[in-house]
């Protein structure tokens, strides 16, 4: 009984894993190369060095 449940969970894992792999390839979104170029120019940190602090203190 224990072996059957282990095998069935393994088979279900393989089926769902294969479905996720298929979905990730089927519904893949291509990245615009211009986005990477813009992100390289931006500082990439929320350090508030510009003086603009966006917190929710009232």
PDB file of N, CA and C in Angstrom:
ATOM      1  N   UNK A   1       0.820  -1.188   0.000  1.00  0.00           N
ATOM      2  CA  UNK A   1       0.000   0.000   0.000  1.00  0.00           C
ATOM      3  C   UNK A   1       0.869   1.259   0.000  1.00  0.00           C
ATOM      4  N   UNK A   2       1.922   1.247   0.772  1.00  0.00           N
ATOM      5  CA  UNK A   2       2.817   2.397   0.834  1.00  0.00           C
ATOM      6  C   UNK A   2       3.529   2.599  -0.499  1.00  0.00           C
ATOM      7  N   UNK A   3       3.942   1.519  -1.117  1.00  0.00           N
ATOM      8  CA  UNK A   3       4.640   1.612  -2.395  1.00  0.00           C
ATOM      9  C   UNK A   3       3.719   2.164  -3.480  1.00  0.00           C
ATOM     10  N   UNK A   4       2.453   1.772  -3.455  1.00  0.00           N
ATOM     11  CA  UNK A   4       1.498   2.268  -4.456  1.00  0.00           C
ATOM     12  C   UNK A   4       1.284   3.770  -4.307  1.00  0.00           C
ATOM     13  N   UNK A   5       1.209   4.257  -3.091  1.00  0.00           N
ATOM     14  CA  UNK A   5       1.015   5.697  -2.898  1.00  0.00           C
ATOM     15  C   UNK A   5       2.260   6.478  -3.303  1.00  0.00           C
ATOM     16  N   UNK A   6       3.433   5.932  -3.046  1.00  0.00           N
ATOM     17  CA  UNK A   6       4.675   6.594  -3.456  1.00  0.00           C
ATOM     18  C   UNK A   6       4.762   6.656  -4.972  1.00  0.00           C
ATOM     19  N   UNK A   7       4.415   5.567  -5.631  1.00  0.00           N
ATOM     20  CA  UNK A   7       4.465   5.536  -7.093  1.00  0.00           C
ATOM     21  C   UNK A   7       3.420   6.484  -7.681  1.00  0.00           C
ATOM     22  N   UNK A   8       2.219   6.488  -7.120  1.00  0.00           N
ATOM     23  CA  UNK A   8       1.180   7.374  -7.661  1.00  0.00           C
ATOM     24  C   UNK A   8       1.539   8.843  -7.465  1.00  0.00           C
ATOM     25  N   UNK A   9       2.116   9.192  -6.335  1.00  0.00           N
ATOM     26  CA  UNK A   9       2.552  10.587  -6.133  1.00  0.00           C
ATOM     27  C   UNK A   9       3.693  10.949  -7.072  1.00  0.00           C
ATOM     28  N   UNK A  10       4.580  10.007  -7.320  1.00  0.00           N
ATOM     29  CA  UNK A  10       5.666  10.252  -8.261  1.00  0.00           C
ATOM     30  C   UNK A  10       5.157  10.468  -9.676  1.00  0.00           C
ATOM     31  N   UNK A  11       4.183   9.648 -10.078  1.00  0.00           N
ATOM     32  CA  UNK A  11       3.598   9.796 -11.413  1.00  0.00           C
ATOM     33  C   UNK A  11       2.862  11.126 -11.522  1.00  0.00           C
ATOM     34  N   UNK A  12       2.094  11.486 -10.503  1.00  0.00           N
ATOM     35  CA  UNK A  12       1.415  12.776 -10.519  1.00  0.00           C
ATOM     36  C   UNK A  12       2.410  13.935 -10.583  1.00  0.00           C
ATOM     37  N   UNK A  13       3.509  13.810  -9.865  1.00  0.00           N
ATOM     38  CA  UNK A  13       4.535  14.847  -9.905  1.00  0.00           C
ATOM     39  C   UNK A  13       5.137  14.993 -11.287  1.00  0.00           C
ATOM     40  N   UNK A  14       5.376  13.862 -11.946  1.00  0.00           N
ATOM     41  CA  UNK A  14       5.916  13.917 -13.303  1.00  0.00           C
ATOM     42  C   UNK A  14       4.916  14.518 -14.287  1.00  0.00           C
ATOM     43  N   UNK A  15       3.640  14.164 -14.139  1.00  0.00           N
ATOM     44  CA  UNK A  15       2.613  14.699 -15.038  1.00  0.00           C
ATOM     45  C   UNK A  15       2.479  16.212 -14.852  1.00  0.00           C
ATOM     46  N   UNK A  16       2.365  16.656 -13.600  1.00  0.00           N
ATOM     47  CA  UNK A  16       2.225  18.094 -13.355  1.00  0.00           C
ATOM     48  C   UNK A  16       3.502  18.854 -13.707  1.00  0.00           C
ATOM     49  N   UNK A  17       4.661  18.255 -13.468  1.00  0.00           N
ATOM     50  CA  UNK A  17       5.914  18.894 -13.854  1.00  0.00           C
ATOM     51  C   UNK A  17       6.035  19.038 -15.359  1.00  0.00           C
ATOM     52  N   UNK A  18       5.618  18.005 -16.073  1.00  0.00           N
ATOM     53  CA  UNK A  18       5.626  18.086 -17.538  1.00  0.00           C
ATOM     54  C   UNK A  18       4.645  19.133 -18.041  1.00  0.00           C
ATOM     55  N   UNK A  19       3.487  19.224 -17.380  1.00  0.00           N
ATOM     56  CA  UNK A  19       2.517  20.248 -17.770  1.00  0.00           C
ATOM     57  C   UNK A  19       3.042  21.650 -17.534  1.00  0.00           C
ATOM     58  N   UNK A  20       3.734  21.843 -16.430  1.00  0.00           N
ATOM     59  CA  UNK A  20       4.320  23.165 -16.158  1.00  0.00           C
ATOM     60  C   UNK A  20       5.439  23.497 -17.144  1.00  0.00           C
ATOM     61  N   UNK A  21       6.241  22.500 -17.491  1.00  0.00           N
ATOM     62  CA  UNK A  21       7.311  22.728 -18.467  1.00  0.00           C
ATOM     63  C   UNK A  21       6.724  23.090 -19.830  1.00  0.00           C
ATOM     64  N   UNK A  22       5.673  22.381 -20.216  1.00  0.00           N
ATOM     65  CA  UNK A  22       5.016  22.686 -21.491  1.00  0.00           C
ATOM     66  C   UNK A  22       4.420  24.095 -21.468  1.00  0.00           C
ATOM     67  N   UNK A  23       3.747  24.445 -20.383  1.00  0.00           N
ATOM     68  CA  UNK A  23       3.120  25.758 -20.282  1.00  0.00           C
ATOM     69  C   UNK A  23       4.156  26.875 -20.292  1.00  0.00           C
ATOM     70  N   UNK A  24       5.300  26.646 -19.661  1.00  0.00           N
ATOM     71  CA  UNK A  24       6.322  27.697 -19.647  1.00  0.00           C
ATOM     72  C   UNK A  24       6.908  27.927 -21.035  1.00  0.00           C
ATOM     73  N   UNK A  25       6.969  26.885 -21.842  1.00  0.00           N
ATOM     74  CA  UNK A  25       7.465  27.065 -23.212  1.00  0.00           C
ATOM     75  C   UNK A  25       6.381  27.610 -24.125  1.00  0.00           C
ATOM     76  N   UNK A  26       5.157  27.154 -23.927  1.00  0.00           N
ATOM     77  CA  UNK A  26       4.047  27.551 -24.788  1.00  0.00           C
ATOM     78  C   UNK A  26       3.673  29.011 -24.577  1.00  0.00           C
ATOM     79  N   UNK A  27       3.696  29.475 -23.337  1.00  0.00           N
ATOM     80  CA  UNK A  27       3.267  30.835 -23.021  1.00  0.00           C
ATOM     81  C   UNK A  27       4.440  31.740 -22.660  1.00  0.00           C
ATOM     82  N   UNK A  28       5.606  31.462 -23.196  1.00  0.00           N
ATOM     83  CA  UNK A  28       6.791  32.272 -22.909  1.00  0.00           C
ATOM     84  C   UNK A  28       6.620  33.673 -23.496  1.00  0.00           C
ATOM     85  N   UNK A  29       7.114  34.659 -22.770  1.00  0.00           N
ATOM     86  CA  UNK A  29       7.048  36.050 -23.211  1.00  0.00           C
ATOM     87  C   UNK A  29       8.454  36.496 -23.572  1.00  0.00           C
ATOM     88  N   UNK A  30       8.592  36.989 -24.782  1.00  0.00           N
ATOM     89  CA  UNK A  30       9.909  37.471 -25.206  1.00  0.00           C
ATOM     90  C   UNK A  30      10.182  38.832 -24.562  1.00  0.00           C
ATOM     91  N   UNK A  31      11.403  39.027 -24.123  1.00  0.00           N
ATOM     92  CA  UNK A  31      11.786  40.260 -23.449  1.00  0.00           C
ATOM     93  C   UNK A  31      12.297  41.251 -24.484  1.00  0.00           C
ATOM     94  N   UNK A  32      11.804  42.467 -24.389  1.00  0.00           N
ATOM     95  CA  UNK A  32      12.242  43.534 -25.285  1.00  0.00           C
ATOM     96  C   UNK A  32      13.669  43.936 -24.904  1.00  0.00           C
ATOM     97  N   UNK A  33      14.615  43.908 -25.832  1.00  0.00           N
ATOM     98  CA  UNK A  33      16.006  44.256 -25.479  1.00  0.00           C
ATOM     99  C   UNK A  33      16.171  45.701 -25.024  1.00  0.00           C
ATOM    100  N   UNK A  34      15.221  46.556 -25.364  1.00  0.00           N
ATOM    101  CA  UNK A  34      15.314  47.951 -24.927  1.00  0.00           C
ATOM    102  C   UNK A  34      15.120  48.076 -23.423  1.00  0.00           C
ATOM    103  N   UNK A  35      14.371  47.158 -22.847  1.00  0.00           N
ATOM    104  CA  UNK A  35      14.157  47.193 -21.397  1.00  0.00           C
ATOM    105  C   UNK A  35      15.472  46.972 -20.664  1.00  0.00           C
ATOM    106  N   UNK A  36      16.267  46.026 -21.126  1.00  0.00           N
ATOM    107  CA  UNK A  36      17.558  45.764 -20.500  1.00  0.00           C
ATOM    108  C   UNK A  36      18.482  46.974 -20.628  1.00  0.00           C
ATOM    109  N   UNK A  37      18.425  47.646 -21.765  1.00  0.00           N
ATOM    110  CA  UNK A  37      19.268  48.833 -21.956  1.00  0.00           C
ATOM    111  C   UNK A  37      18.872  49.948 -20.993  1.00  0.00           C
ATOM    112  N   UNK A  38      17.582  50.141 -20.788  1.00  0.00           N
ATOM    113  CA  UNK A  38      17.118  51.184 -19.872  1.00  0.00           C
ATOM    114  C   UNK A  38      17.470  50.821 -18.434  1.00  0.00           C
ATOM    115  N   UNK A  39      17.317  49.553 -18.061  1.00  0.00           N
ATOM    116  CA  UNK A  39      17.637  49.129 -16.693  1.00  0.00           C
ATOM    117  C   UNK A  39      19.125  49.275 -16.380  1.00  0.00           C
ATOM    118  N   UNK A  40      19.984  49.169 -17.397  1.00  0.00           N
ATOM    119  CA  UNK A  40      21.419  49.367 -17.172  1.00  0.00           C
ATOM    120  C   UNK A  40      21.716  50.821 -16.829  1.00  0.00           C
ATOM    121  N   UNK A  41      20.945  51.746 -17.379  1.00  0.00           N
ATOM    122  CA  UNK A  41      21.178  53.169 -17.150  1.00  0.00           C
ATOM    123  C   UNK A  41      20.649  53.596 -15.785  1.00  0.00           C
ATOM    124  N   UNK A  42      19.563  52.987 -15.331  1.00  0.00           N
ATOM    125  CA  UNK A  42      18.952  53.364 -14.053  1.00  0.00           C
ATOM    126  C   UNK A  42      19.811  52.883 -12.883  1.00  0.00           C
ATOM    127  N   UNK A  43      19.734  53.571 -11.745  1.00  0.00           N
ATOM    128  CA  UNK A  43      20.580  53.196 -10.608  1.00  0.00           C
ATOM    129  C   UNK A  43      20.219  51.837 -10.010  1.00  0.00           C
ATOM    130  N   UNK A  44      18.968  51.456 -10.006  1.00  0.00           N
ATOM    131  CA  UNK A  44      18.568  50.145  -9.533  1.00  0.00           C
ATOM    132  C   UNK A  44      18.531  49.965  -8.025  1.00  0.00           C
ATOM    133  N   UNK A  45      18.399  51.043  -7.282  1.00  0.00           N
ATOM    134  CA  UNK A  45      18.337  50.919  -5.830  1.00  0.00           C
ATOM    135  C   UNK A  45      17.340  51.936  -5.294  1.00  0.00           C
ATOM    136  N   UNK A  46      16.609  51.562  -4.295  1.00  0.00           N
ATOM    137  CA  UNK A  46      15.689  52.489  -3.637  1.00  0.00           C
ATOM    138  C   UNK A  46      16.385  53.037  -2.395  1.00  0.00           C
ATOM    139  N   UNK A  47      17.330  53.906  -2.598  1.00  0.00           N
ATOM    140  CA  UNK A  47      18.143  54.384  -1.489  1.00  0.00           C
ATOM    141  C   UNK A  47      17.705  55.747  -0.986  1.00  0.00           C
ATOM    142  N   UNK A  48      16.782  56.411  -1.691  1.00  0.00           N
ATOM    143  CA  UNK A  48      16.307  57.747  -1.356  1.00  0.00           C
ATOM    144  C   UNK A  48      17.432  58.783  -1.446  1.00  0.00           C
ATOM    145  N   UNK A  49      18.412  58.536  -2.284  1.00  0.00           N
ATOM    146  CA  UNK A  49      19.513  59.472  -2.453  1.00  0.00           C
ATOM    147  C   UNK A  49      19.066  60.756  -3.143  1.00  0.00           C
ATOM    148  N   UNK A  50      17.957  60.671  -3.878  1.00  0.00           N
ATOM    149  CA  UNK A  50      17.469  61.854  -4.579  1.00  0.00           C
ATOM    150  C   UNK A  50      16.675  62.767  -3.654  1.00  0.00           C
ATOM    151  N   UNK A  51      16.374  62.306  -2.446  1.00  0.00           N
ATOM    152  CA  UNK A  51      15.611  63.100  -1.517  1.00  0.00           C
ATOM    153  C   UNK A  51      14.130  62.762  -1.511  1.00  0.00           C
ATOM    154  N   UNK A  52      13.703  61.933  -2.409  1.00  0.00           N
ATOM    155  CA  UNK A  52      12.298  61.536  -2.491  1.00  0.00           C
ATOM    156  C   UNK A  52      12.112  60.238  -1.703  1.00  0.00           C
ATOM    157  N   UNK A  53      11.566  60.358  -0.514  1.00  0.00           N
ATOM    158  CA  UNK A  53      11.332  59.191   0.311  1.00  0.00           C
ATOM    159  C   UNK A  53       9.853  58.831   0.203  1.00  0.00           C
ATOM    160  N   UNK A  54       9.580  57.636  -0.218  1.00  0.00           N
ATOM    161  CA  UNK A  54       8.176  57.246  -0.413  1.00  0.00           C
ATOM    162  C   UNK A  54       7.800  56.215   0.630  1.00  0.00           C
ATOM    163  N   UNK A  55       7.595  56.678   1.849  1.00  0.00           N
ATOM    164  CA  UNK A  55       7.103  55.783   2.881  1.00  0.00           C
ATOM    165  C   UNK A  55       5.703  56.201   3.271  1.00  0.00           C
ATOM    166  N   UNK A  56       5.040  55.421   4.071  1.00  0.00           N
ATOM    167  CA  UNK A  56       3.626  55.669   4.373  1.00  0.00           C
ATOM    168  C   UNK A  56       3.423  56.297   5.748  1.00  0.00           C
ATOM    169  N   UNK A  57       4.401  56.985   6.268  1.00  0.00           N
ATOM    170  CA  UNK A  57       4.207  57.652   7.561  1.00  0.00           C
ATOM    171  C   UNK A  57       3.253  58.817   7.406  1.00  0.00           C
ATOM    172  N   UNK A  58       2.356  58.967   8.341  1.00  0.00           N
ATOM    173  CA  UNK A  58       1.374  60.064   8.262  1.00  0.00           C
ATOM    174  C   UNK A  58       1.792  61.210   9.169  1.00  0.00           C
TER     175      UNK A  58
END
